[in-house]
PDB file of all heavy atoms in Angstrom:
ATOM      1  N   GLU A   1     -15.579   3.697   5.344  1.00  0.00           N
ATOM      2  CA  GLU A   1     -15.166   3.496   4.023  1.00  0.00           C
ATOM      3  C   GLU A   1     -15.834   2.270   3.329  1.00  0.00           C
ATOM      4  O   GLU A   1     -16.130   1.398   4.003  1.00  0.00           O
ATOM      5  CB  GLU A   1     -13.621   3.375   3.919  1.00  0.00           C
ATOM      6  CG  GLU A   1     -12.904   4.523   4.534  1.00  0.00           C
ATOM      7  CD  GLU A   1     -11.437   4.164   4.774  1.00  0.00           C
ATOM      8  OE1 GLU A   1     -11.198   3.061   5.285  1.00  0.00           O
ATOM      9  OE2 GLU A   1     -10.500   4.987   4.529  1.00  0.00           O
ATOM     10  N   SER A   2     -15.937   2.471   2.001  1.00  0.00           N
ATOM     11  CA  SER A   2     -16.437   1.284   1.215  1.00  0.00           C
ATOM     12  C   SER A   2     -15.892   1.499  -0.218  1.00  0.00           C
ATOM     13  O   SER A   2     -15.419   2.495  -0.598  1.00  0.00           O
ATOM     14  CB  SER A   2     -17.984   1.317   1.240  1.00  0.00           C
ATOM     15  OG  SER A   2     -18.492   2.496   0.633  1.00  0.00           O
ATOM     16  N   GLY A   3     -16.054   0.375  -0.964  1.00  0.00           N
ATOM     17  CA  GLY A   3     -15.749   0.394  -2.337  1.00  0.00           C
ATOM     18  C   GLY A   3     -14.480  -0.323  -2.727  1.00  0.00           C
ATOM     19  O   GLY A   3     -14.178  -0.514  -3.923  1.00  0.00           O
ATOM     20  N   GLY A   4     -13.703  -0.830  -1.778  1.00  0.00           N
ATOM     21  CA  GLY A   4     -12.498  -1.522  -1.984  1.00  0.00           C
ATOM     22  C   GLY A   4     -12.834  -2.917  -2.597  1.00  0.00           C
ATOM     23  O   GLY A   4     -13.997  -3.421  -2.541  1.00  0.00           O
ATOM     24  N   GLY A   5     -11.812  -3.539  -3.147  1.00  0.00           N
ATOM     25  CA  GLY A   5     -12.013  -4.900  -3.673  1.00  0.00           C
ATOM     26  C   GLY A   5     -10.869  -5.216  -4.645  1.00  0.00           C
ATOM     27  O   GLY A   5      -9.817  -4.662  -4.634  1.00  0.00           O
ATOM     28  N   SER A   6     -11.132  -6.246  -5.489  1.00  0.00           N
ATOM     29  CA  SER A   6     -10.117  -6.680  -6.407  1.00  0.00           C
ATOM     30  C   SER A   6     -10.515  -6.360  -7.812  1.00  0.00           C
ATOM     31  O   SER A   6     -11.754  -6.514  -8.148  1.00  0.00           O
ATOM     32  CB  SER A   6      -9.935  -8.265  -6.232  1.00  0.00           C
ATOM     33  OG  SER A   6      -8.959  -8.700  -7.145  1.00  0.00           O
ATOM     34  N   VAL A   7      -9.552  -5.876  -8.598  1.00  0.00           N
ATOM     35  CA  VAL A   7      -9.828  -5.522  -9.997  1.00  0.00           C
ATOM     36  C   VAL A   7      -8.602  -5.846 -10.808  1.00  0.00           C
ATOM     37  O   VAL A   7      -7.504  -5.908 -10.388  1.00  0.00           O
ATOM     38  CB  VAL A   7     -10.142  -4.009 -10.035  1.00  0.00           C
ATOM     39  CG1 VAL A   7      -8.879  -3.176  -9.752  1.00  0.00           C
ATOM     40  CG2 VAL A   7     -10.711  -3.677 -11.438  1.00  0.00           C
ATOM     41  N   GLN A   8      -8.843  -6.105 -12.097  1.00  0.00           N
ATOM     42  CA  GLN A   8      -7.733  -6.263 -13.055  1.00  0.00           C
ATOM     43  C   GLN A   8      -7.074  -4.969 -13.467  1.00  0.00           C
ATOM     44  O   GLN A   8      -7.706  -3.886 -13.400  1.00  0.00           O
ATOM     45  CB  GLN A   8      -8.285  -6.912 -14.335  1.00  0.00           C
ATOM     46  CG  GLN A   8      -8.735  -8.411 -14.217  1.00  0.00           C
ATOM     47  CD  GLN A   8      -7.623  -9.365 -14.375  1.00  0.00           C
ATOM     48  OE1 GLN A   8      -6.661  -9.292 -13.770  1.00  0.00           O
ATOM     49  NE2 GLN A   8      -7.809 -10.248 -15.326  1.00  0.00           N
ATOM     50  N   ALA A   9      -5.824  -4.981 -13.797  1.00  0.00           N
ATOM     51  CA  ALA A   9      -5.031  -3.892 -14.230  1.00  0.00           C
ATOM     52  C   ALA A   9      -5.846  -3.286 -15.360  1.00  0.00           C
ATOM     53  O   ALA A   9      -6.300  -3.952 -16.300  1.00  0.00           O
ATOM     54  CB  ALA A   9      -3.644  -4.254 -14.576  1.00  0.00           C
ATOM     55  N   GLY A  10      -5.956  -1.919 -15.332  1.00  0.00           N
ATOM     56  CA  GLY A  10      -6.636  -1.161 -16.381  1.00  0.00           C
ATOM     57  C   GLY A  10      -8.053  -0.892 -16.019  1.00  0.00           C
ATOM     58  O   GLY A  10      -8.702  -0.117 -16.595  1.00  0.00           O
ATOM     59  N   GLY A  11      -8.548  -1.522 -14.889  1.00  0.00           N
ATOM     60  CA  GLY A  11      -9.907  -1.386 -14.466  1.00  0.00           C
ATOM     61  C   GLY A  11     -10.053  -0.162 -13.541  1.00  0.00           C
ATOM     62  O   GLY A  11      -9.169   0.576 -13.282  1.00  0.00           O
ATOM     63  N   SER A  12     -11.322  -0.097 -13.077  1.00  0.00           N
ATOM     64  CA  SER A  12     -11.612   1.084 -12.147  1.00  0.00           C
ATOM     65  C   SER A  12     -12.272   0.697 -10.986  1.00  0.00           C
ATOM     66  O   SER A  12     -12.949  -0.390 -10.818  1.00  0.00           O
ATOM     67  CB  SER A  12     -12.540   2.024 -12.923  1.00  0.00           C
ATOM     68  OG  SER A  12     -11.929   2.563 -14.125  1.00  0.00           O
ATOM     69  N   LEU A  13     -12.153   1.485  -9.913  1.00  0.00           N
ATOM     70  CA  LEU A  13     -12.869   1.334  -8.642  1.00  0.00           C
ATOM     71  C   LEU A  13     -13.185   2.736  -8.121  1.00  0.00           C
ATOM     72  O   LEU A  13     -12.500   3.720  -8.429  1.00  0.00           O
ATOM     73  CB  LEU A  13     -12.052   0.648  -7.558  1.00  0.00           C
ATOM     74  CG  LEU A  13     -11.874  -0.875  -7.677  1.00  0.00           C
ATOM     75  CD1 LEU A  13     -10.912  -1.410  -6.616  1.00  0.00           C
ATOM     76  CD2 LEU A  13     -13.230  -1.564  -7.552  1.00  0.00           C
ATOM     77  N   ARG A  14     -14.259   2.844  -7.364  1.00  0.00           N
ATOM     78  CA  ARG A  14     -14.626   4.076  -6.731  1.00  0.00           C
ATOM     79  C   ARG A  14     -14.776   3.801  -5.170  1.00  0.00           C
ATOM     80  O   ARG A  14     -15.648   3.024  -4.761  1.00  0.00           O
ATOM     81  CB  ARG A  14     -15.964   4.636  -7.268  1.00  0.00           C
ATOM     82  CG  ARG A  14     -16.231   6.021  -6.841  1.00  0.00           C
ATOM     83  CD  ARG A  14     -17.614   6.439  -7.198  1.00  0.00           C
ATOM     84  NE  ARG A  14     -17.848   7.824  -7.089  1.00  0.00           N
ATOM     85  CZ  ARG A  14     -19.014   8.505  -7.015  1.00  0.00           C
ATOM     86  NH1 ARG A  14     -20.130   7.749  -6.940  1.00  0.00           N
ATOM     87  NH2 ARG A  14     -19.152   9.814  -6.974  1.00  0.00           N
ATOM     88  N   LEU A  15     -13.932   4.527  -4.465  1.00  0.00           N
ATOM     89  CA  LEU A  15     -13.938   4.460  -3.013  1.00  0.00           C
ATOM     90  C   LEU A  15     -14.867   5.549  -2.475  1.00  0.00           C
ATOM     91  O   LEU A  15     -14.885   6.595  -3.013  1.00  0.00           O
ATOM     92  CB  LEU A  15     -12.662   4.519  -2.361  1.00  0.00           C
ATOM     93  CG  LEU A  15     -11.562   3.566  -2.910  1.00  0.00           C
ATOM     94  CD1 LEU A  15     -10.221   3.772  -2.123  1.00  0.00           C
ATOM     95  CD2 LEU A  15     -12.051   2.159  -2.814  1.00  0.00           C
ATOM     96  N   SER A  16     -15.533   5.272  -1.366  1.00  0.00           N
ATOM     97  CA  SER A  16     -16.277   6.316  -0.718  1.00  0.00           C
ATOM     98  C   SER A  16     -15.988   6.324   0.807  1.00  0.00           C
ATOM     99  O   SER A  16     -15.718   5.268   1.311  1.00  0.00           O
ATOM    100  CB  SER A  16     -17.749   6.180  -0.968  1.00  0.00           C
ATOM    101  OG  SER A  16     -18.331   5.031  -0.455  1.00  0.00           O
ATOM    102  N   CYS A  17     -16.185   7.436   1.409  1.00  0.00           N
ATOM    103  CA  CYS A  17     -15.983   7.547   2.871  1.00  0.00           C
ATOM    104  C   CYS A  17     -16.988   8.588   3.393  1.00  0.00           C
ATOM    105  O   CYS A  17     -16.929   9.755   2.992  1.00  0.00           O
ATOM    106  CB  CYS A  17     -14.507   8.031   3.192  1.00  0.00           C
ATOM    107  SG  CYS A  17     -14.134   8.432   4.848  1.00  0.00           S
ATOM    108  N   THR A  18     -17.763   8.236   4.377  1.00  0.00           N
ATOM    109  CA  THR A  18     -18.752   9.067   4.980  1.00  0.00           C
ATOM    110  C   THR A  18     -18.394   9.333   6.423  1.00  0.00           C
ATOM    111  O   THR A  18     -18.168   8.387   7.169  1.00  0.00           O
ATOM    112  CB  THR A  18     -20.068   8.422   4.828  1.00  0.00           C
ATOM    113  OG1 THR A  18     -20.401   8.302   3.446  1.00  0.00           O
ATOM    114  CG2 THR A  18     -21.115   9.315   5.489  1.00  0.00           C
ATOM    115  N   ALA A  19     -18.389  10.566   6.792  1.00  0.00           N
ATOM    116  CA  ALA A  19     -18.206  10.974   8.148  1.00  0.00           C
ATOM    117  C   ALA A  19     -19.486  11.246   8.857  1.00  0.00           C
ATOM    118  O   ALA A  19     -20.434  11.745   8.307  1.00  0.00           O
ATOM    119  CB  ALA A  19     -17.338  12.273   8.202  1.00  0.00           C
ATOM    120  N   SER A  20     -19.521  10.794  10.148  1.00  0.00           N
ATOM    121  CA  SER A  20     -20.684  10.970  10.961  1.00  0.00           C
ATOM    122  C   SER A  20     -20.265  11.290  12.367  1.00  0.00           C
ATOM    123  O   SER A  20     -19.168  11.007  12.756  1.00  0.00           O
ATOM    124  CB  SER A  20     -21.607   9.743  10.927  1.00  0.00           C
ATOM    125  OG  SER A  20     -20.977   8.591  11.340  1.00  0.00           O
ATOM    126  N   GLY A  21     -21.294  11.807  13.123  1.00  0.00           N
ATOM    127  CA  GLY A  21     -21.024  12.091  14.597  1.00  0.00           C
ATOM    128  C   GLY A  21     -21.225  13.608  14.791  1.00  0.00           C
ATOM    129  O   GLY A  21     -21.983  14.226  14.121  1.00  0.00           O
ATOM    130  N   ASN A  22     -20.529  14.075  15.822  1.00  0.00           N
ATOM    131  CA  ASN A  22     -20.797  15.419  16.288  1.00  0.00           C
ATOM    132  C   ASN A  22     -19.861  16.345  15.435  1.00  0.00           C
ATOM    133  O   ASN A  22     -18.815  16.887  15.839  1.00  0.00           O
ATOM    134  CB  ASN A  22     -20.328  15.599  17.819  1.00  0.00           C
ATOM    135  CG  ASN A  22     -20.650  16.998  18.355  1.00  0.00           C
ATOM    136  OD1 ASN A  22     -21.512  17.644  17.782  1.00  0.00           O
ATOM    137  ND2 ASN A  22     -19.935  17.368  19.392  1.00  0.00           N
ATOM    138  N   ILE A  23     -20.253  16.556  14.200  1.00  0.00           N
ATOM    139  CA  ILE A  23     -19.494  17.313  13.247  1.00  0.00           C
ATOM    140  C   ILE A  23     -20.040  18.773  13.123  1.00  0.00           C
ATOM    141  O   ILE A  23     -21.217  18.988  12.715  1.00  0.00           O
ATOM    142  CB  ILE A  23     -19.518  16.644  11.870  1.00  0.00           C
ATOM    143  CG1 ILE A  23     -18.903  15.250  11.934  1.00  0.00           C
ATOM    144  CG2 ILE A  23     -18.738  17.508  10.782  1.00  0.00           C
ATOM    145  CD1 ILE A  23     -19.069  14.441  10.707  1.00  0.00           C
ATOM    146  N   ALA A  24     -19.185  19.762  13.439  1.00  0.00           N
ATOM    147  CA  ALA A  24     -19.553  21.120  13.181  1.00  0.00           C
ATOM    148  C   ALA A  24     -19.138  21.551  11.744  1.00  0.00           C
ATOM    149  O   ALA A  24     -19.806  22.278  11.130  1.00  0.00           O
ATOM    150  CB  ALA A  24     -18.860  21.952  14.189  1.00  0.00           C
ATOM    151  N   SER A  25     -17.950  21.094  11.316  1.00  0.00           N
ATOM    152  CA  SER A  25     -17.531  21.448   9.997  1.00  0.00           C
ATOM    153  C   SER A  25     -16.425  20.468   9.581  1.00  0.00           C
ATOM    154  O   SER A  25     -15.817  19.813  10.443  1.00  0.00           O
ATOM    155  CB  SER A  25     -17.013  22.918   9.881  1.00  0.00           C
ATOM    156  OG  SER A  25     -15.899  23.083  10.731  1.00  0.00           O
ATOM    157  N   ILE A  26     -16.203  20.428   8.315  1.00  0.00           N
ATOM    158  CA  ILE A  26     -15.124  19.561   7.729  1.00  0.00           C
ATOM    159  C   ILE A  26     -14.260  20.509   6.882  1.00  0.00           C
ATOM    160  O   ILE A  26     -14.879  21.048   5.924  1.00  0.00           O
ATOM    161  CB  ILE A  26     -15.634  18.315   7.000  1.00  0.00           C
ATOM    162  CG1 ILE A  26     -16.536  17.418   7.905  1.00  0.00           C
ATOM    163  CG2 ILE A  26     -14.467  17.608   6.366  1.00  0.00           C
ATOM    164  CD1 ILE A  26     -17.122  16.235   7.225  1.00  0.00           C
ATOM    165  N   ASN A  27     -13.002  20.440   6.983  1.00  0.00           N
ATOM    166  CA  ASN A  27     -12.133  21.268   6.104  1.00  0.00           C
ATOM    167  C   ASN A  27     -11.600  20.246   5.006  1.00  0.00           C
ATOM    168  O   ASN A  27     -12.327  20.075   4.085  1.00  0.00           O
ATOM    169  CB  ASN A  27     -11.010  21.844   6.891  1.00  0.00           C
ATOM    170  CG  ASN A  27     -10.139  22.810   6.052  1.00  0.00           C
ATOM    171  OD1 ASN A  27     -10.627  23.270   4.981  1.00  0.00           O
ATOM    172  ND2 ASN A  27      -8.939  23.093   6.444  1.00  0.00           N
ATOM    173  N   THR A  28     -10.404  19.779   5.171  1.00  0.00           N
ATOM    174  CA  THR A  28      -9.882  18.955   4.147  1.00  0.00           C
ATOM    175  C   THR A  28     -10.263  17.421   4.328  1.00  0.00           C
ATOM    176  O   THR A  28     -10.258  16.950   5.489  1.00  0.00           O
ATOM    177  CB  THR A  28      -8.275  19.003   4.216  1.00  0.00           C
ATOM    178  OG1 THR A  28      -7.864  20.326   3.935  1.00  0.00           O
ATOM    179  CG2 THR A  28      -7.658  18.117   3.183  1.00  0.00           C
ATOM    180  N   MET A  29     -10.628  16.814   3.239  1.00  0.00           N
ATOM    181  CA  MET A  29     -10.842  15.307   3.262  1.00  0.00           C
ATOM    182  C   MET A  29      -9.779  14.761   2.291  1.00  0.00           C
ATOM    183  O   MET A  29      -9.515  15.445   1.225  1.00  0.00           O
ATOM    184  CB  MET A  29     -12.225  14.984   2.841  1.00  0.00           C
ATOM    185  CG  MET A  29     -13.267  15.552   3.693  1.00  0.00           C
ATOM    186  SD  MET A  29     -14.944  14.881   3.403  1.00  0.00           S
ATOM    187  CE  MET A  29     -14.757  13.281   4.262  1.00  0.00           C
ATOM    188  N   ALA A  30      -9.315  13.633   2.587  1.00  0.00           N
ATOM    189  CA  ALA A  30      -8.134  13.086   1.937  1.00  0.00           C
ATOM    190  C   ALA A  30      -8.156  11.664   1.865  1.00  0.00           C
ATOM    191  O   ALA A  30      -8.762  10.926   2.685  1.00  0.00           O
ATOM    192  CB  ALA A  30      -6.779  13.666   2.483  1.00  0.00           C
ATOM    193  N   TRP A  31      -7.340  11.040   0.999  1.00  0.00           N
ATOM    194  CA  TRP A  31      -7.096   9.564   0.869  1.00  0.00           C
ATOM    195  C   TRP A  31      -5.642   9.417   1.057  1.00  0.00           C
ATOM    196  O   TRP A  31      -4.723  10.016   0.363  1.00  0.00           O
ATOM    197  CB  TRP A  31      -7.658   9.013  -0.336  1.00  0.00           C
ATOM    198  CG  TRP A  31      -9.103   8.944  -0.488  1.00  0.00           C
ATOM    199  CD1 TRP A  31      -9.870   9.938  -1.096  1.00  0.00           C
ATOM    200  CD2 TRP A  31      -9.969   7.941   0.006  1.00  0.00           C
ATOM    201  NE1 TRP A  31     -11.173   9.569  -1.015  1.00  0.00           N
ATOM    202  CE2 TRP A  31     -11.313   8.341  -0.320  1.00  0.00           C
ATOM    203  CE3 TRP A  31      -9.835   6.784   0.687  1.00  0.00           C
ATOM    204  CZ2 TRP A  31     -12.389   7.563  -0.018  1.00  0.00           C
ATOM    205  CZ3 TRP A  31     -10.845   6.016   1.041  1.00  0.00           C
ATOM    206  CH2 TRP A  31     -12.153   6.385   0.670  1.00  0.00           C
ATOM    207  N   TYR A  32      -5.273   8.358   1.861  1.00  0.00           N
ATOM    208  CA  TYR A  32      -3.864   7.920   1.971  1.00  0.00           C
ATOM    209  C   TYR A  32      -3.943   6.371   1.671  1.00  0.00           C
ATOM    210  O   TYR A  32      -4.933   5.740   1.575  1.00  0.00           O
ATOM    211  CB  TYR A  32      -3.469   7.989   3.435  1.00  0.00           C
ATOM    212  CG  TYR A  32      -3.122   9.451   3.840  1.00  0.00           C
ATOM    213  CD1 TYR A  32      -4.238  10.348   4.064  1.00  0.00           C
ATOM    214  CD2 TYR A  32      -1.835   9.961   3.956  1.00  0.00           C
ATOM    215  CE1 TYR A  32      -3.959  11.640   4.487  1.00  0.00           C
ATOM    216  CE2 TYR A  32      -1.622  11.280   4.282  1.00  0.00           C
ATOM    217  CZ  TYR A  32      -2.671  12.103   4.614  1.00  0.00           C
ATOM    218  OH  TYR A  32      -2.342  13.413   4.949  1.00  0.00           O
ATOM    219  N   ARG A  33      -2.739   5.825   1.427  1.00  0.00           N
ATOM    220  CA  ARG A  33      -2.617   4.301   1.209  1.00  0.00           C
ATOM    221  C   ARG A  33      -1.383   3.865   1.815  1.00  0.00           C
ATOM    222  O   ARG A  33      -0.365   4.600   1.914  1.00  0.00           O
ATOM    223  CB  ARG A  33      -2.730   4.070  -0.275  1.00  0.00           C
ATOM    224  CG  ARG A  33      -1.623   4.483  -1.140  1.00  0.00           C
ATOM    225  CD  ARG A  33      -1.871   4.167  -2.676  1.00  0.00           C
ATOM    226  NE  ARG A  33      -0.764   4.578  -3.475  1.00  0.00           N
ATOM    227  CZ  ARG A  33      -0.791   4.613  -4.775  1.00  0.00           C
ATOM    228  NH1 ARG A  33      -1.896   4.164  -5.470  1.00  0.00           N
ATOM    229  NH2 ARG A  33       0.240   4.954  -5.450  1.00  0.00           N
ATOM    230  N   GLN A  34      -1.425   2.601   2.031  1.00  0.00           N
ATOM    231  CA  GLN A  34      -0.197   1.947   2.544  1.00  0.00           C
ATOM    232  C   GLN A  34      -0.108   0.553   1.893  1.00  0.00           C
ATOM    233  O   GLN A  34      -0.973  -0.303   2.118  1.00  0.00           O
ATOM    234  CB  GLN A  34      -0.242   1.749   4.060  1.00  0.00           C
ATOM    235  CG  GLN A  34       1.038   1.266   4.661  1.00  0.00           C
ATOM    236  CD  GLN A  34       1.119   1.456   6.184  1.00  0.00           C
ATOM    237  OE1 GLN A  34       0.133   1.591   6.892  1.00  0.00           O
ATOM    238  NE2 GLN A  34       2.344   1.352   6.706  1.00  0.00           N
ATOM    239  N   ALA A  35       0.860   0.364   1.204  1.00  0.00           N
ATOM    240  CA  ALA A  35       1.206  -0.928   0.474  1.00  0.00           C
ATOM    241  C   ALA A  35       2.047  -1.772   1.430  1.00  0.00           C
ATOM    242  O   ALA A  35       2.697  -1.294   2.405  1.00  0.00           O
ATOM    243  CB  ALA A  35       1.996  -0.691  -0.824  1.00  0.00           C
ATOM    244  N   PRO A  36       1.924  -3.115   1.253  1.00  0.00           N
ATOM    245  CA  PRO A  36       2.706  -3.954   2.147  1.00  0.00           C
ATOM    246  C   PRO A  36       4.219  -3.634   2.185  1.00  0.00           C
ATOM    247  O   PRO A  36       4.796  -3.489   1.129  1.00  0.00           O
ATOM    248  CB  PRO A  36       2.420  -5.368   1.533  1.00  0.00           C
ATOM    249  CG  PRO A  36       1.205  -5.231   0.802  1.00  0.00           C
ATOM    250  CD  PRO A  36       1.206  -3.804   0.271  1.00  0.00           C
ATOM    251  N   GLY A  37       4.731  -3.511   3.395  1.00  0.00           N
ATOM    252  CA  GLY A  37       6.115  -3.194   3.564  1.00  0.00           C
ATOM    253  C   GLY A  37       6.538  -1.759   3.224  1.00  0.00           C
ATOM    254  O   GLY A  37       7.745  -1.492   3.255  1.00  0.00           O
TER     255      GLY A  37
END
């Protein structure tokens, strides 16, 4: 993953995630998040 960082409210960020390895196919790709606590 890449693209994380700090931004002001109202701003924008773009995250990216690249898969590599012995990949035959990819079905669903998704994003999760976990806030403190």
